[in-house]
Protein backbone atom coordinates (compact mmCIF):
# COMPACT_ATOMS: atom_id res chain seq x y z
CA MET A 1 -8.10 -2.76 4.57
CA LYS A 2 -7.30 1.11 4.01
CA THR A 3 -3.66 1.39 2.94
CA LEU A 4 -1.64 4.74 3.28
CA VAL A 5 1.56 5.12 1.78
CA LEU A 6 3.30 8.00 3.24
CA GLY A 7 6.76 9.37 1.99
CA LEU A 8 8.49 11.79 3.81
CA GLY A 9 11.55 14.21 2.90
CA ASN A 10 12.40 17.67 2.04
CA PRO A 11 12.36 17.91 -1.67
CA ILE A 12 15.49 20.13 -1.91
CA LEU A 13 17.79 18.19 0.23
CA SER A 14 19.44 15.87 -1.89
CA ASP A 15 19.08 12.34 -0.69
CA ASP A 16 16.81 13.88 1.91
CA ALA A 17 14.09 13.67 -0.70
CA VAL A 18 14.20 9.86 -1.38
CA GLY A 19 11.23 8.97 0.68
CA LEU A 20 9.08 11.69 -1.41
CA ARG A 21 10.67 10.44 -4.86
CA ILE A 22 9.88 6.57 -3.72
CA ALA A 23 6.37 7.84 -3.11
CA GLN A 24 5.75 9.84 -6.33
CA GLY A 25 7.03 6.44 -8.26
CA LEU A 26 4.65 4.00 -6.24
CA LYS A 27 1.75 6.36 -7.26
CA GLN A 28 2.49 6.23 -10.74
CA GLU A 29 3.11 1.99 -10.21
CA THR A 30 -0.19 2.07 -8.13
CA PRO A 31 -2.40 4.83 -9.26
CA ALA A 32 -5.75 3.96 -6.92
CA GLN A 33 -3.78 3.39 -4.00
CA ASP A 34 -3.82 6.42 -1.53
CA VAL A 35 -0.32 7.80 -1.79
CA ILE A 36 1.21 11.13 0.12
CA GLY A 37 4.41 12.85 0.10
CA THR A 38 5.11 15.42 2.94
CA SER A 39 8.01 17.36 4.59
CA GLU A 40 5.98 17.16 7.74
CA ALA A 41 7.18 15.40 10.57
CA GLY A 42 6.39 14.73 14.34
CA LEU A 43 2.64 14.68 15.54
CA ALA A 44 1.74 16.04 12.10
CA LEU A 45 2.01 12.59 11.09
CA LEU A 46 -1.25 11.70 12.66
CA ASP A 47 -3.22 14.34 10.50
CA TYR A 48 -2.32 12.01 7.42
CA ALA A 49 -2.69 8.37 9.32
CA VAL A 50 -5.97 8.54 11.10
CA GLY A 51 -8.87 6.44 9.69
CA TYR A 52 -6.65 4.12 7.87
CA ASP A 53 -6.26 0.19 9.20
CA ARG A 54 -2.66 0.06 7.32
CA LEU A 55 0.26 2.48 6.99
CA VAL A 56 3.34 2.38 4.82
CA ILE A 57 6.10 5.05 5.74
CA ILE A 58 9.15 5.52 3.48
CA ASP A 59 11.82 7.66 4.54
CA SER A 60 16.08 8.07 4.58
CA ILE A 61 18.13 6.82 6.93
CA MET A 62 21.94 7.53 7.64
CA THR A 63 23.91 4.74 9.54
CA GLU A 64 27.64 4.31 9.83
CA LYS A 65 28.17 1.03 7.83
CA GLY A 66 25.03 1.24 5.15
CA ARG A 67 25.50 1.27 1.50
CA PRO A 68 23.23 4.43 -0.51
CA GLY A 69 20.05 3.15 -1.58
CA GLU A 70 20.59 -0.02 0.82
CA LEU A 71 16.50 -0.47 1.96
CA TYR A 72 15.47 -1.75 5.33
CA LYS A 73 12.33 -2.72 6.60
CA LEU A 74 11.35 -1.89 10.30
CA GLU A 75 8.22 -2.33 12.27
CA LEU A 76 7.24 0.17 14.78
CA GLU A 77 8.19 -1.91 17.45
CA ASP A 78 11.42 -1.90 16.21
CA LEU A 79 11.60 1.73 17.23
CA LYS A 80 11.55 2.63 21.28
CA PRO A 81 9.51 5.51 21.87
CA GLY A 82 11.22 8.58 23.21
CA THR A 83 11.62 8.39 27.24
CA SER A 84 11.99 12.10 27.72
CA LEU A 85 8.93 14.55 27.46
CA PRO A 86 8.09 15.36 23.38
CA SER A 87 8.23 18.70 22.29
CA SER A 88 5.78 19.66 19.26
CA HIS A 89 8.77 19.88 17.00
CA GLY A 90 10.84 16.60 17.43
CA VAL A 91 8.60 13.57 18.27
CA ASP A 92 10.10 10.25 16.74
CA ILE A 93 7.65 8.17 14.83
CA ALA A 94 7.33 5.24 17.32
CA THR A 95 6.35 8.61 19.62
CA VAL A 96 4.03 9.62 17.61
CA PHE A 97 1.73 6.75 16.82
CA THR A 98 1.77 5.40 20.64
CA LEU A 99 0.64 9.02 21.74
CA GLY A 100 -1.97 9.08 19.01
CA GLU A 101 -3.46 5.82 20.20
CA LYS A 102 -3.12 6.64 23.83
CA LEU A 103 -5.10 9.85 22.98
CA GLY A 104 -7.87 7.81 21.55
CA TYR A 105 -7.12 8.55 17.47
CA PRO A 106 -7.78 5.86 15.30
CA VAL A 107 -4.23 5.06 14.38
CA PRO A 108 -3.29 2.16 12.09
CA ARG A 109 -3.15 -1.03 13.24
CA GLN A 110 -0.58 -2.27 10.87
CA ILE A 111 2.54 0.18 10.35
CA ALA A 112 5.50 -0.87 7.99
CA ILE A 113 8.59 1.66 7.83
CA TYR A 114 11.00 1.46 4.92
CA ALA A 115 14.51 3.39 5.42
CA VAL A 116 16.80 4.19 2.39
CA GLU A 117 20.16 4.42 3.25
CA ILE A 118 21.32 8.09 1.91
CA ALA A 119 24.83 9.82 1.17
CA ASP A 120 23.85 13.24 1.32
CA ASN A 121 20.87 15.33 3.31
CA THR A 122 22.90 18.56 3.32
CA THR A 123 23.17 19.88 0.07
CA PHE A 124 20.42 21.57 -1.78
CA ALA A 125 19.65 19.78 -4.72
CA GLU A 126 16.19 18.83 -6.33
CA LYS A 127 17.98 15.51 -7.26
CA CYS A 128 19.60 12.48 -5.24
CA THR A 129 22.92 11.26 -5.57
CA ARG A 130 23.44 8.87 -8.29
CA GLU A 131 23.99 5.76 -5.97
CA VAL A 132 20.43 6.75 -4.63
CA GLU A 133 18.84 7.62 -7.74
CA GLU A 134 19.67 4.74 -9.48
CA ARG A 135 18.17 2.09 -7.15
CA ILE A 136 14.85 4.39 -6.67
CA PRO A 137 13.07 1.70 -9.38
CA PHE A 138 14.02 -0.88 -8.08
CA ILE A 139 12.89 0.41 -4.13
CA VAL A 140 9.62 1.23 -5.70
CA ARG A 141 8.87 -2.28 -7.49
CA GLN A 142 10.53 -3.97 -4.12
CA ILE A 143 7.60 -2.30 -1.77
CA ALA A 144 5.25 -2.73 -4.37
CA GLU A 145 5.72 -6.30 -4.29
CA GLU A 146 6.12 -6.49 -0.42
CA GLU A 147 3.10 -4.73 0.77
CA ARG A 148 0.92 -6.03 -2.46
CA LEU A 149 -0.07 -2.19 -3.01
């Protein structure tokens, strides 16, 4: 089964880079695995995922009750596609893959989404906050084991 690990985030916005940092860790841990980090979003994600059987997405999330560094696992079915007409910039992940499938793209059949709770996604910094940074090695191992990478 051809698998892609796709880390998402902005490398200069503190915790927003956590998906990229975890993807880097997974690439070091499992060098034969296809791993890509990107700041792209929306429909551009199809360019990376087309042709893979399985996709593992890693991104950041801010909830009201979560603790920084907490890891959530979601399936595409957990996310409801947007109900309004999408713009080329603001398309959510569920809509991207639903649209890709309807347009006949060979999108992955299995998609796992890992979201890491963050504390700060607005400060310009090349490092994550301490709480998030300390959890990255643990999260790398957890995803590698759970996804059998």
